[in-house]
Each structure stands twice: as C-alpha cells, then as structure tokens.
Amino acid sequence: MSIRKLNWNKVIIVLVMPILLIILTVNTVTTAVSNKDSEKIIEQNVTDIAAYKDLILIHNQKETDYFTSSITSPKIDRDIIDKEIDKWISTKEKEFEKKVKKNKNEFNDDFKANLDINTEVLEVTDDIVTFVLNHSEFINDENDHNTIKTFVVDLNESEIIESDKINKLLNNKELLYKLVDDSLKKEQNIYSLIDHDKLKKSLNTKKDLTWSLNQTDFRLHFDKGEIESDIQEALTVNIPLVNLDGNIDEQLAEKLNIKEFVRIEKEKEEEYLKEAKRIKEEEKRKYEEKMLEEKEQKERAKNLKPLDNQEKYVALTFDDGPNPNVTPRVLKYLDEYDAVATFYMLGSQAKKYPKTARAVANQGHEIASHSVTHADLSNVSSSKVHTEMTDSTTLIEQATGVKPRTFRPPYGAINQNVINKARDINQPLILWSVDSLDWKHPNVNSVYSKVMNNMHSGAIVLMHDIHPTTADALPSILKDLKNKGYKFVTVTDLLQLTGNEDIGPYNSKKSNKK
C-alpha cells in the first residue's frame, strides 16, 4: 500500500507542476503588460513598394493608458541602413515615452498623448531612394512638435548619402538663400508668412540642414515654426535639380543625371525666348496695323465726299464679281455717267480674275469683301467664318492693291458670331435697302423696275456684276437716277449720313438674294 501511495504522489506532482508553471508564466506576462501601461497592439501590417526590390514599409499602431502611437518604418534589407533608421525611430520613441511618463498625471481615457511617425518614399533613380520621416508628437501645449528626418539612400552602394556630397551647395549660403527664396515666391500665400531673418539664420547657423531628393527636385525641410510662426506643420521647399549643376559631388551629379536636366532646361529657356520674341513681334505687327488703320481712316475721311442732307444720294453695289465678261461692261456704263459704285467681290473670283479686279480699283470704285466662297456664314463654325472673312480680304487686296474696308455677308445671312467676327477684323457689315432681284428675274425690264420703283434717298442698291441682263439694264437706271437728281456715292460715303458704324440690316432674309 505504501508503495502504491507513493507512486500516486509522484503522479500528482508531475501533473500539477506544469499547471503551476503555466499560472506563473501568465502572471509574469500580465505583470509585464501591466508594467507597460496595459500596452495593446492595435494594428500591424507590411506594405511592399513595387519600385524597389526588398523595400517594405512596416506599420505599427499601439495604445497604452497614457498615449497612442502610429509608426511606419522602412526596411530595405541593408543592415547598415536599416539599423540607422531604426536607431533614429527608437530614439524618438524613447524620448516621447520619457516625456509621457513625466506628464502622465495629465492623461486619462479621454485625453492621451500621441506620437506619429510616417514614412514618405520618394523615387529618385533606379538606385537612389529617399525616405522622408515626418515626426509629430503631442503631449501638451508646451510639447507639440513636428519635425522631419530624411535618409537619402544609395541602394547600389548600400549607404546613406551624407551631406558632404552637397556641401558645396550647402556652404554657399548666398546661393542657397536665393534658391529657397525664389522657390517660396511661387507660393505667395506661404511666402507672405516667411520670417526672412529666421530663414537666413537657419541657413547660416543650423549645423545639419535637412534635405532630400526626388526625381526632379532637391528639397530642403524646415521644422514647424523654424522659419515662420503661422504655419502649423513642417515646411518643404522644392528646388529644381538643374540648380545643383556644379554645386554637388560629381559622382552624385552623374547618378542624378544633372546634365540632362540642364539640357532640358536650356531647351525650355530657348523655347521661352523664342515664344517671347514671337509674341513681341506679333504685338509689334498689331500695333503697326493699328497705326496703319488709323492713318488710312484719316485718309478716307479726307477723301469722303461731303454730303448734304438736303441732297438725294444712292449707293450702287455689285456682288459676286469680278466677272471678265460682265464687270468691264458695268465699269464702262458707270464711267459714261460719272457714277461711282461699291464692288463686293468674292476672294475666289478676285484671285481668278486679278486684271478685272484691278480695273475696278483703278477706275476709282470702292473695293469691298463678300467672303471667299459665298458660304452661308450663319450656318458654319466660328473658325470658318473667320477664314472666309480674313482670306477674302487678303485675296482681294492681293488682286486689287486695295484692302477692303466693309463686308457683306453672302445671302445677307448674319448671326451674333458673324457680327462679332466682323468687329474683330474691323469691317462694318453692309446689307442693302433696294434689291434688284437680278438673279431671280434675269430680265432688263424687271431689273430696272425693281430698282426704280423702290428707290429712295440714302438707298443701297443690290445688283450683281455677273449677270449680263444687269449690265444691260444699268444705262437706263443710271440715266433716270441722274435725271431725278440722285448723286452717286460709295457705301463708305453714305456712312456719313447714318452716323452708324455699319448700314443695315435692311433686307437680310436669305430668299431675298441668291
């Protein structure tokens, strides 16, 4: 019996001891957690960065009785670099926890201190990457910090690029201040808040300026309040890499391909100067055109026939020419009756028959524009309207040596777009008040009666120097108008009586004119 009892005691001891050990272990862990201010891991995850092999971001969030923290740290599988970054983060954590412990009586479930360290990864080249660690902590109003720490890393060399590689730039305080100042000026809302005395002091006296690189810029980082007082966060100033040319280590400059940035910048500068020259020449051209226009207006004013309101005036107009068969006959009859008229030429016709077009100008008649192709300008695009007007002016001037000063829209068709374009090219829109309908009724008696039966002083008569019947009817019209006391004037002469910039519209329905 005793032997059996003894064996049971051993069994009990063997069974109970592990349980006691487990209880003791749990108590030890609990105590450890308690000693860590009930620390709880809220989140822990890993993010791969596709741009660089072996580069990951490790994110940890935790909470204690007194603070919360969120830390994202980079790992690149380079022991020397990883240890250096971990050392900085660990130091910031310890400093923070020390401050928290000192002020722990201020905290409760509703108010805790906070530490945040996040990592921004900046791709520079295939072998160079920048880590920007933005560190912010809040314990109380006296302990509210926002600072930046950077690590510019050469993965190929497995090293952190130190400031001595850019000392030539960092030590040239005058150049550095100018580059920073030029960059800040681009952000006027920030620039106005900068304390330039603080900025100069920081650049001149700070032992280690915080800097970084990305694909296009050299960046300087300033802690919250370092160079201003109203911006509630750290400030980053971007300086184009092209400005590093000749101011950094040659090997680093080669890795950053600075010479290529210089080449591109030079091309941009040349393009800018070229565009500036073009704009200047364009402004000069417009100014010269304006001066010429004013001169021509003065000349036209001198040559205008003084009109008397008591007299009867009529402006004969001819559209769609010149025509080598009809226009010379019209000119002959106008000359016989000492009559002047206005010819609304098509640019295409003037180009096709330049001798006939010049004959009109040489005889002293007014040259005007009627578009290039006789398109309905109220039913085409804005650019088409512009082309029809400006090209017509050019073609007619080339043929006659005279620049058209007024414009008649084909079919009398107008809309706001046509009106605006006419104003843009400074050509008054001219329509008509008497329509011969010579296109609709190509008959001498019909043309004559339509004109004479609707005649009135100040009339603008619409005819076409492309229909033979119009030329046939013209001698009788001229003779009878003269006998009735009408004086023949150009459209521009007639403008004096209206006091308006343009004449019409009187008849602008498309059906009134072919």
Protein backbone atom coordinates (compact mmCIF):
# COMPACT_ATOMS: atom_id res chain seq x y z
CA MET A 1 0.00 0.00 0.00
CA SER A 2 2.71 2.46 0.84
CA ILE A 3 4.48 1.86 -2.39
CA ARG A 4 1.28 2.47 -4.35
CA LYS A 5 0.54 5.64 -2.40
CA LEU A 6 4.00 6.93 -3.03
CA ASN A 7 3.58 6.42 -6.75
CA TRP A 8 0.35 8.41 -6.74
CA ASN A 9 2.06 11.30 -5.04
CA LYS A 10 4.66 11.36 -7.79
CA VAL A 11 1.96 11.32 -10.39
CA ILE A 12 0.18 14.21 -8.71
CA ILE A 13 3.41 16.21 -8.56
CA VAL A 14 4.13 15.52 -12.22
CA LEU A 15 0.64 16.62 -13.23
CA VAL A 16 0.40 19.70 -11.01
CA MET A 17 3.81 21.26 -11.72
CA PRO A 18 3.18 22.18 -15.36
CA ILE A 19 -0.08 23.81 -14.36
CA LEU A 20 1.70 25.86 -11.74
CA LEU A 21 4.33 26.85 -14.27
CA ILE A 22 1.66 27.99 -16.71
CA ILE A 23 -0.04 30.05 -14.00
CA LEU A 24 3.28 31.60 -13.04
CA THR A 25 4.07 32.38 -16.69
CA VAL A 26 0.69 34.01 -17.23
CA ASN A 27 1.15 36.10 -14.12
CA THR A 28 4.59 37.14 -15.33
CA VAL A 29 3.23 38.20 -18.76
CA THR A 30 0.35 40.01 -17.13
CA THR A 31 2.74 41.82 -14.88
CA ALA A 32 4.88 42.71 -17.87
CA VAL A 33 1.89 44.08 -19.69
CA SER A 34 0.86 45.96 -16.61
CA ASN A 35 4.32 47.41 -16.35
CA LYS A 36 3.97 48.53 -19.97
CA ASP A 37 0.89 50.59 -19.06
CA SER A 38 -1.50 47.97 -20.45
CA GLU A 39 0.04 48.24 -23.92
CA LYS A 40 -2.14 46.92 -26.75
CA ILE A 41 -1.17 46.38 -30.37
CA ILE A 42 -3.98 47.84 -32.46
CA GLU A 43 -2.61 47.17 -35.93
CA GLN A 44 0.49 45.75 -37.52
CA ASN A 45 0.96 45.28 -41.26
CA VAL A 46 3.54 45.28 -44.04
CA THR A 47 3.39 47.07 -47.42
CA ASP A 48 5.57 46.24 -50.42
CA ILE A 49 6.96 49.12 -52.50
CA ALA A 50 6.96 47.94 -56.10
CA ALA A 51 9.51 50.50 -57.34
CA TYR A 52 12.37 48.94 -55.36
CA LYS A 53 13.25 45.32 -54.68
CA ASP A 54 13.38 44.31 -50.99
CA LEU A 55 11.78 47.58 -49.86
CA ILE A 56 8.83 47.27 -47.48
CA LEU A 57 7.04 49.56 -45.04
CA ILE A 58 6.19 48.18 -41.61
CA HIS A 59 3.27 49.88 -39.91
CA ASN A 60 2.61 49.58 -36.17
CA GLN A 61 -0.14 51.17 -34.11
CA LYS A 62 -0.41 50.76 -30.35
CA GLU A 63 -2.18 52.20 -27.36
CA THR A 64 -1.35 52.42 -23.64
CA ASP A 65 -3.06 54.02 -20.67
CA TYR A 66 -1.26 57.26 -21.46
CA PHE A 67 -0.60 57.50 -25.19
CA THR A 68 -1.29 56.23 -28.69
CA SER A 69 1.32 55.84 -31.38
CA SER A 70 1.45 55.13 -35.10
CA ILE A 71 4.81 54.38 -36.70
CA THR A 72 5.60 53.44 -40.28
CA SER A 73 9.22 52.44 -40.79
CA PRO A 74 11.04 51.40 -43.98
CA LYS A 75 13.06 48.19 -44.33
CA ILE A 76 15.34 47.63 -47.31
CA ASP A 77 17.34 44.56 -46.30
CA ARG A 78 20.54 46.56 -45.88
CA ASP A 79 21.69 46.09 -42.27
CA ILE A 80 23.70 49.31 -42.01
CA ILE A 81 20.89 51.43 -43.38
CA ASP A 82 18.07 49.65 -41.53
CA LYS A 83 19.92 49.95 -38.21
CA GLU A 84 20.49 53.68 -38.75
CA ILE A 85 16.82 54.32 -39.47
CA ASP A 86 15.65 52.06 -36.61
CA LYS A 87 18.04 53.83 -34.25
CA TRP A 88 16.51 57.24 -35.09
CA ILE A 89 12.95 55.95 -34.71
CA SER A 90 13.79 54.17 -31.46
CA THR A 91 15.37 57.34 -30.05
CA LYS A 92 12.25 59.34 -30.88
CA GLU A 93 10.07 56.69 -29.22
CA LYS A 94 12.16 56.67 -26.03
CA GLU A 95 12.26 60.47 -25.85
CA PHE A 96 8.50 60.57 -26.31
CA GLU A 97 7.78 57.91 -23.66
CA LYS A 98 10.07 59.71 -21.25
CA LYS A 99 8.07 62.92 -21.68
CA VAL A 100 4.81 60.99 -21.33
CA LYS A 101 5.96 59.41 -18.09
CA LYS A 102 6.92 62.83 -16.76
CA ASN A 103 3.43 64.19 -17.54
CA LYS A 104 1.35 61.03 -17.04
CA ASN A 105 -0.90 62.67 -14.44
CA GLU A 106 -2.37 64.79 -17.26
CA PHE A 107 -3.74 61.78 -19.17
CA ASN A 108 -6.88 59.68 -18.88
CA ASP A 109 -9.15 57.62 -21.13
CA ASP A 110 -10.42 60.77 -22.85
CA PHE A 111 -7.09 62.52 -23.29
CA LYS A 112 -3.86 60.81 -24.28
CA ALA A 113 -0.54 61.84 -25.75
CA ASN A 114 0.14 60.93 -29.36
CA LEU A 115 3.19 60.00 -31.39
CA ASP A 116 3.09 59.72 -35.17
CA ILE A 117 5.99 58.83 -37.47
CA ASN A 118 5.07 58.20 -41.08
CA THR A 119 7.39 57.47 -43.99
CA GLU A 120 7.13 59.01 -47.44
CA VAL A 121 9.07 57.10 -50.12
CA LEU A 122 10.46 59.27 -52.92
CA GLU A 123 11.77 57.60 -56.06
CA VAL A 124 14.92 59.38 -57.27
CA THR A 125 16.66 56.96 -59.67
CA ASP A 126 16.73 53.20 -60.11
CA ASP A 127 19.39 53.01 -57.39
CA ILE A 128 18.62 56.02 -55.20
CA VAL A 129 15.59 56.38 -52.95
CA THR A 130 14.65 58.96 -50.33
CA PHE A 131 12.83 58.26 -47.09
CA VAL A 132 11.15 61.28 -45.54
CA LEU A 133 10.13 60.51 -41.96
CA ASN A 134 7.58 63.01 -40.77
CA HIS A 135 7.63 63.01 -36.97
CA SER A 136 4.91 64.69 -34.94
CA GLU A 137 4.06 64.35 -31.28
CA PHE A 138 1.64 65.98 -28.91
CA ILE A 139 1.88 65.72 -25.16
CA ASN A 140 0.55 69.11 -24.11
CA ASP A 141 0.61 72.68 -25.35
CA GLU A 142 4.26 73.03 -24.36
CA ASN A 143 5.22 69.77 -26.07
CA ASP A 144 3.76 69.91 -29.57
CA HIS A 145 6.37 69.11 -32.21
CA ASN A 146 6.51 68.49 -35.94
CA THR A 147 9.92 67.65 -37.42
CA ILE A 148 11.27 65.89 -40.47
CA LYS A 149 14.14 63.45 -40.78
CA THR A 150 15.40 62.30 -44.16
CA PHE A 151 17.52 59.42 -45.38
CA VAL A 152 18.77 59.58 -48.96
CA VAL A 153 19.89 56.05 -49.74
CA ASP A 154 22.10 54.62 -52.47
CA LEU A 155 20.88 51.04 -52.77
CA ASN A 156 23.66 50.02 -55.13
CA GLU A 157 26.34 51.16 -52.67
CA SER A 158 24.27 50.18 -49.61
CA GLU A 159 24.93 53.53 -47.99
CA ILE A 160 23.19 56.66 -46.83
CA ILE A 161 24.21 59.69 -48.90
CA GLU A 162 25.51 62.21 -46.40
CA SER A 163 25.52 65.99 -46.57
CA ASP A 164 29.20 66.13 -47.54
CA LYS A 165 28.11 65.16 -51.06
CA ILE A 166 26.31 68.51 -51.39
CA ASN A 167 28.45 70.67 -49.11
CA LYS A 168 29.41 72.94 -51.99
CA LEU A 169 25.78 73.95 -52.26
CA LEU A 170 25.01 73.96 -48.53
CA ASN A 171 28.06 76.13 -47.80
CA ASN A 172 27.18 78.69 -50.46
CA LYS A 173 24.73 80.49 -48.20
CA GLU A 174 24.04 83.36 -50.60
CA LEU A 175 23.11 80.98 -53.45
CA LEU A 176 21.14 78.73 -51.12
CA TYR A 177 19.09 81.64 -49.77
CA LYS A 178 18.34 82.85 -53.33
CA LEU A 179 17.20 79.39 -54.45
CA VAL A 180 14.96 78.98 -51.39
CA ASP A 181 13.57 82.50 -51.76
CA ASP A 182 12.84 82.00 -55.49
CA SER A 183 11.02 78.76 -54.73
CA LEU A 184 8.94 80.25 -51.92
CA LYS A 185 7.91 83.18 -54.13
CA LYS A 186 5.96 80.72 -56.28
CA GLU A 187 3.65 80.17 -53.30
CA GLN A 188 2.58 83.71 -52.40
CA ASN A 189 0.20 82.58 -49.65
CA ILE A 190 3.17 80.94 -47.88
CA TYR A 191 5.79 83.50 -48.87
CA SER A 192 3.97 86.28 -47.05
CA LEU A 193 4.26 84.28 -43.80
CA ILE A 194 8.01 83.67 -44.01
CA ASP A 195 10.26 85.40 -41.49
CA HIS A 196 13.31 86.06 -43.68
CA ASP A 197 15.55 86.81 -40.72
CA LYS A 198 14.70 83.36 -39.34
CA LEU A 199 15.27 81.83 -42.76
CA LYS A 200 18.72 83.37 -43.12
CA LYS A 201 19.61 82.40 -39.56
CA SER A 202 18.53 78.80 -40.17
CA LEU A 203 20.55 78.54 -43.37
CA ASN A 204 23.61 80.18 -41.84
CA THR A 205 23.77 78.65 -38.37
CA LYS A 206 21.97 75.32 -38.43
CA LYS A 207 24.57 72.57 -38.18
CA ASP A 208 22.73 69.97 -40.27
CA LEU A 209 20.18 71.16 -42.79
CA THR A 210 17.53 68.56 -43.51
CA TRP A 211 17.43 67.78 -47.21
CA SER A 212 16.11 65.16 -49.60
CA LEU A 213 15.81 64.35 -53.29
CA ASN A 214 13.08 63.24 -55.63
CA GLN A 215 13.13 62.70 -59.39
CA THR A 216 13.02 66.43 -60.22
CA ASP A 217 13.88 68.43 -57.11
CA PHE A 218 16.37 69.00 -54.33
CA ARG A 219 14.27 69.60 -51.21
CA LEU A 220 15.03 71.47 -48.01
CA HIS A 221 12.90 70.71 -44.94
CA PHE A 222 12.21 73.09 -42.08
CA ASP A 223 10.64 72.11 -38.76
CA LYS A 224 7.37 73.64 -37.64
CA GLY A 225 7.94 77.28 -36.70
CA GLU A 226 11.57 77.24 -37.81
CA ILE A 227 11.20 79.97 -40.46
CA GLU A 228 7.61 81.10 -39.82
CA SER A 229 5.14 81.14 -36.97
CA ASP A 230 1.70 80.79 -38.55
CA ILE A 231 2.09 77.54 -40.50
CA GLN A 232 1.14 74.64 -38.23
CA GLU A 233 3.35 71.99 -39.82
CA ALA A 234 6.84 71.34 -41.13
CA LEU A 235 7.65 73.11 -44.40
CA THR A 236 9.30 71.67 -47.51
CA VAL A 237 10.93 73.86 -50.18
CA ASN A 238 11.47 72.36 -53.65
CA ILE A 239 14.46 73.49 -55.72
CA PRO A 240 14.79 72.10 -59.29
CA LEU A 241 17.69 69.66 -59.67
CA VAL A 242 19.06 71.76 -62.52
CA ASN A 243 20.29 74.21 -59.87
CA LEU A 244 22.62 71.57 -58.45
CA ASP A 245 24.81 71.69 -61.56
CA GLY A 246 28.36 72.42 -60.43
CA ASN A 247 27.30 72.58 -56.78
CA ILE A 248 27.41 68.92 -55.68
CA ASP A 249 29.72 65.92 -55.78
CA GLU A 250 30.44 64.99 -59.41
CA GLN A 251 29.69 61.29 -58.93
CA LEU A 252 26.34 62.09 -57.32
CA ALA A 253 25.59 64.59 -60.08
CA GLU A 254 26.24 61.85 -62.64
CA LYS A 255 23.96 59.42 -60.82
CA LEU A 256 21.23 62.06 -60.71
CA ASN A 257 21.75 62.82 -64.43
CA ILE A 258 22.02 66.53 -63.70
CA LYS A 259 23.46 67.31 -67.16
CA GLU A 260 20.25 66.04 -68.75
CA PHE A 261 18.21 68.38 -66.55
CA VAL A 262 20.48 71.24 -67.64
CA ARG A 263 19.96 70.33 -71.31
CA ILE A 264 16.19 70.17 -70.93
CA GLU A 265 16.13 73.45 -69.02
CA LYS A 266 18.23 75.11 -71.73
CA GLU A 267 15.78 73.90 -74.38
CA LYS A 268 12.88 75.27 -72.33
CA GLU A 269 14.66 78.61 -71.98
CA GLU A 270 15.32 78.76 -75.72
CA GLU A 271 11.69 77.88 -76.42
CA TYR A 272 10.55 80.53 -73.95
CA LEU A 273 12.75 83.18 -75.58
CA LYS A 274 11.52 82.11 -79.00
CA GLU A 275 7.89 82.39 -77.89
CA ALA A 276 8.56 85.72 -76.18
CA LYS A 277 10.11 87.01 -79.41
CA ARG A 278 7.11 85.77 -81.40
CA ILE A 279 4.69 87.48 -79.03
CA LYS A 280 6.70 90.70 -79.19
CA GLU A 281 6.73 90.61 -82.99
CA GLU A 282 3.00 89.86 -83.03
CA GLU A 283 2.34 92.81 -80.74
CA LYS A 284 4.52 94.99 -82.95
CA ARG A 285 2.63 93.80 -86.04
CA LYS A 286 -0.74 94.53 -84.42
CA TYR A 287 0.49 97.95 -83.33
CA GLU A 288 1.71 98.74 -86.84
CA GLU A 289 -1.59 97.53 -88.29
CA LYS A 290 -3.44 99.75 -85.85
CA MET A 291 -1.33 102.75 -86.78
CA LEU A 292 -1.83 102.00 -90.49
CA GLU A 293 -5.56 101.61 -89.94
CA GLU A 294 -5.74 104.96 -88.18
CA LYS A 295 -3.74 106.55 -90.98
CA GLU A 296 -6.00 105.02 -93.62
CA GLN A 297 -9.09 106.15 -91.72
CA LYS A 298 -7.76 109.71 -91.74
CA GLU A 299 -7.03 109.43 -95.46
CA ARG A 300 -10.51 108.08 -96.12
CA ALA A 301 -12.00 110.90 -94.08
CA LYS A 302 -10.14 113.40 -96.28
CA ASN A 303 -11.39 111.74 -99.46
CA LEU A 304 -15.01 111.41 -98.36
CA LYS A 305 -17.47 113.42 -100.39
CA PRO A 306 -19.13 115.98 -98.14
CA LEU A 307 -22.80 115.05 -98.17
CA ASP A 308 -25.71 117.38 -97.72
CA ASN A 309 -28.86 116.08 -96.03
CA GLN A 310 -30.90 118.10 -98.48
CA GLU A 311 -29.49 116.18 -101.44
CA LYS A 312 -30.53 112.75 -102.74
CA TYR A 313 -27.86 110.05 -102.65
CA VAL A 314 -27.71 106.46 -103.80
CA ALA A 315 -25.03 103.80 -103.37
CA LEU A 316 -24.94 101.23 -106.16
CA THR A 317 -23.37 97.92 -105.14
CA PHE A 318 -22.35 94.89 -107.20
CA ASP A 319 -21.83 91.44 -105.68
CA ASP A 320 -20.13 88.16 -106.62
CA GLY A 321 -17.62 89.52 -109.15
CA PRO A 322 -15.36 90.26 -110.73
CA ASN A 323 -16.52 88.62 -113.97
CA PRO A 324 -14.34 89.09 -117.09
CA ASN A 325 -17.39 89.41 -119.36
CA VAL A 326 -19.85 91.45 -117.30
CA THR A 327 -17.72 93.58 -114.97
CA PRO A 328 -15.97 95.53 -117.82
CA ARG A 329 -19.38 96.47 -119.25
CA VAL A 330 -20.56 97.68 -115.83
CA LEU A 331 -17.39 99.77 -115.49
CA LYS A 332 -17.96 101.27 -118.95
CA TYR A 333 -21.51 102.42 -118.17
CA LEU A 334 -20.54 103.79 -114.73
CA ASP A 335 -17.78 105.81 -116.39
CA GLU A 336 -20.16 107.20 -119.01
CA TYR A 337 -22.45 108.58 -116.29
CA ASP A 338 -19.60 109.66 -113.99
CA ALA A 339 -21.00 107.30 -111.35
CA VAL A 340 -19.10 105.65 -108.54
CA ALA A 341 -20.11 102.30 -107.04
CA THR A 342 -19.03 99.72 -104.44
CA PHE A 343 -18.00 96.21 -105.57
CA TYR A 344 -18.43 93.38 -103.06
CA MET A 345 -16.00 90.90 -104.56
CA LEU A 346 -15.57 87.22 -103.79
CA GLY A 347 -11.99 86.38 -102.85
CA SER A 348 -12.05 83.35 -105.14
CA GLN A 349 -13.14 85.49 -108.12
CA ALA A 350 -10.58 88.21 -107.41
CA LYS A 351 -7.86 85.57 -107.36
CA LYS A 352 -9.16 84.03 -110.59
CA TYR A 353 -9.53 87.36 -112.46
CA PRO A 354 -6.99 89.77 -110.93
CA LYS A 355 -6.80 92.05 -114.01
CA THR A 356 -10.55 92.64 -113.93
CA ALA A 357 -10.45 93.20 -110.16
CA ARG A 358 -7.63 95.73 -110.51
CA ALA A 359 -9.51 97.54 -113.27
CA VAL A 360 -12.35 98.18 -110.77
CA ALA A 361 -9.91 99.73 -108.31
CA ASN A 362 -8.08 101.72 -110.98
CA GLN A 363 -11.36 103.33 -112.05
CA GLY A 364 -11.81 104.67 -108.51
CA HIS A 365 -14.61 102.46 -107.30
CA GLU A 366 -14.81 101.23 -103.73
CA ILE A 367 -13.44 97.73 -103.13
CA ALA A 368 -15.27 95.59 -100.54
CA SER A 369 -15.41 91.95 -99.44
CA HIS A 370 -18.12 89.32 -99.90
CA SER A 371 -16.31 86.23 -98.47
CA VAL A 372 -14.19 83.68 -100.35
CA THR A 373 -16.68 81.03 -101.40
CA HIS A 374 -20.10 82.65 -100.87
CA ALA A 375 -20.85 80.33 -97.92
CA ASP A 376 -23.81 80.89 -95.61
CA LEU A 377 -21.82 82.23 -92.64
CA SER A 378 -24.76 81.89 -90.26
CA ASN A 379 -24.58 78.14 -90.67
CA VAL A 380 -20.84 77.40 -90.31
CA SER A 381 -18.29 77.21 -87.48
CA SER A 382 -16.67 80.24 -85.91
CA SER A 383 -13.30 79.34 -87.43
CA LYS A 384 -14.91 79.03 -90.89
CA VAL A 385 -16.45 82.50 -90.54
CA HIS A 386 -13.06 83.90 -89.59
CA THR A 387 -11.33 82.19 -92.52
CA GLU A 388 -13.94 83.33 -95.05
CA MET A 389 -13.60 86.93 -93.90
CA THR A 390 -9.84 87.22 -93.46
CA ASP A 391 -8.83 85.14 -96.51
CA SER A 392 -11.22 87.11 -98.69
CA THR A 393 -9.66 90.38 -97.55
CA THR A 394 -6.19 89.03 -98.33
CA LEU A 395 -7.08 87.68 -101.78
CA ILE A 396 -8.89 90.86 -102.82
CA GLU A 397 -6.06 93.08 -101.61
CA GLN A 398 -3.53 90.96 -103.50
CA ALA A 399 -5.55 91.31 -106.70
CA THR A 400 -6.52 94.99 -106.46
CA GLY A 401 -3.84 96.55 -104.28
CA VAL A 402 -6.64 97.89 -102.08
CA LYS A 403 -7.68 96.48 -98.73
CA PRO A 404 -11.48 96.03 -98.41
CA ARG A 405 -12.99 98.15 -95.65
CA THR A 406 -16.53 96.79 -95.45
CA PHE A 407 -18.03 93.30 -95.61
CA ARG A 408 -21.32 91.99 -96.99
CA PRO A 409 -22.30 88.51 -95.74
CA PRO A 410 -23.50 86.17 -98.51
CA TYR A 411 -27.31 85.93 -98.68
CA GLY A 412 -27.42 88.70 -96.07
CA ALA A 413 -27.28 85.89 -93.54
CA ILE A 414 -25.98 87.05 -90.18
CA ASN A 415 -25.93 85.95 -86.56
CA GLN A 416 -24.06 87.11 -83.47
CA ASN A 417 -20.99 85.12 -84.46
CA VAL A 418 -20.81 86.88 -87.85
CA ILE A 419 -21.29 90.25 -86.15
CA ASN A 420 -18.51 89.55 -83.64
CA LYS A 421 -16.04 88.40 -86.30
CA ALA A 422 -16.72 91.45 -88.43
CA ARG A 423 -15.93 93.63 -85.45
CA ASP A 424 -12.76 91.64 -84.76
CA ILE A 425 -11.40 92.42 -88.24
CA ASN A 426 -12.76 95.98 -88.18
CA GLN A 427 -15.04 95.60 -91.21
CA PRO A 428 -18.56 97.05 -90.90
CA LEU A 429 -21.36 94.74 -92.05
CA ILE A 430 -23.23 96.21 -95.01
CA LEU A 431 -26.52 94.88 -96.39
CA TRP A 432 -28.98 96.70 -98.71
CA SER A 433 -32.29 98.54 -98.86
CA VAL A 434 -33.21 98.04 -102.54
CA ASP A 435 -32.93 94.59 -104.15
CA SER A 436 -32.88 94.36 -107.94
CA LEU A 437 -33.57 90.59 -107.78
CA ASP A 438 -31.48 90.37 -110.94
CA TRP A 439 -30.53 86.81 -110.01
CA LYS A 440 -34.15 85.75 -109.75
CA HIS A 441 -35.53 87.65 -112.75
CA PRO A 442 -32.73 88.00 -115.35
CA ASN A 443 -34.74 90.44 -117.42
CA VAL A 444 -33.80 94.01 -118.27
CA ASN A 445 -37.25 95.49 -117.60
CA SER A 446 -37.63 93.57 -114.33
CA VAL A 447 -34.24 94.71 -113.04
CA TYR A 448 -34.99 98.31 -113.99
CA SER A 449 -38.44 98.38 -112.37
CA LYS A 450 -37.30 96.70 -109.14
CA VAL A 451 -34.63 99.36 -108.67
CA MET A 452 -36.56 102.44 -109.74
CA ASN A 453 -39.86 101.55 -108.07
CA ASN A 454 -38.16 101.13 -104.68
CA MET A 455 -35.72 104.00 -104.91
CA HIS A 456 -35.29 106.47 -102.03
CA SER A 457 -32.59 108.83 -100.86
CA GLY A 458 -29.84 107.03 -98.97
CA ALA A 459 -30.66 103.76 -100.71
CA ILE A 460 -28.15 100.92 -101.02
CA VAL A 461 -28.97 99.08 -104.25
CA LEU A 462 -28.09 95.40 -104.58
CA MET A 463 -27.06 94.14 -108.02
CA HIS A 464 -24.60 91.57 -109.41
CA ASP A 465 -21.85 92.13 -111.95
CA ILE A 466 -22.08 88.51 -113.10
CA HIS A 467 -25.43 88.69 -114.97
CA PRO A 468 -25.44 90.18 -118.49
CA THR A 469 -29.01 91.43 -118.05
CA THR A 470 -27.84 93.56 -115.12
CA ALA A 471 -25.28 95.28 -117.34
CA ASP A 472 -27.96 95.70 -120.00
CA ALA A 473 -30.32 97.43 -117.54
CA LEU A 474 -27.66 99.65 -115.99
CA PRO A 475 -27.58 102.54 -118.58
CA SER A 476 -31.29 103.21 -118.15
CA ILE A 477 -31.03 103.05 -114.35
CA LEU A 478 -28.07 105.44 -114.30
CA LYS A 479 -29.71 107.85 -116.72
CA ASP A 480 -33.03 108.06 -114.88
CA LEU A 481 -31.44 108.30 -111.43
CA LYS A 482 -29.32 111.19 -112.62
CA ASN A 483 -32.35 112.89 -114.14
CA LYS A 484 -34.18 112.53 -110.83
CA GLY A 485 -31.38 114.39 -109.07
CA TYR A 486 -29.63 111.45 -107.40
CA LYS A 487 -25.92 111.69 -106.70
CA PHE A 488 -23.88 108.51 -106.83
CA VAL A 489 -21.73 107.75 -103.79
CA THR A 490 -19.88 104.80 -102.29
CA VAL A 491 -21.14 102.89 -99.28
CA THR A 492 -18.40 104.47 -97.16
CA ASP A 493 -19.52 107.93 -98.28
CA LEU A 494 -23.07 107.05 -97.31
CA LEU A 495 -21.98 106.14 -93.78
CA GLN A 496 -21.73 109.87 -93.08
CA LEU A 497 -25.48 110.23 -93.30
CA THR A 498 -26.32 107.33 -90.99
CA GLY A 499 -23.96 108.19 -88.14
CA ASN A 500 -23.58 104.44 -87.64
CA GLU A 501 -20.66 102.11 -87.95
CA ASP A 502 -22.46 99.92 -90.44
CA ILE A 503 -25.51 100.15 -92.70
CA GLY A 504 -28.31 97.66 -92.33
CA PRO A 505 -29.59 95.16 -91.99
CA TYR A 506 -32.46 96.19 -94.19
CA ASN A 507 -33.24 93.00 -96.11
CA SER A 508 -31.44 90.06 -94.59
CA LYS A 509 -33.67 87.13 -95.47
CA LYS A 510 -31.86 84.50 -97.48
CA SER A 511 -34.68 84.39 -100.00
CA ASN A 512 -34.03 88.00 -101.00
CA LYS A 513 -30.66 87.29 -102.55
CA LYS A 514 -29.03 84.46 -104.41
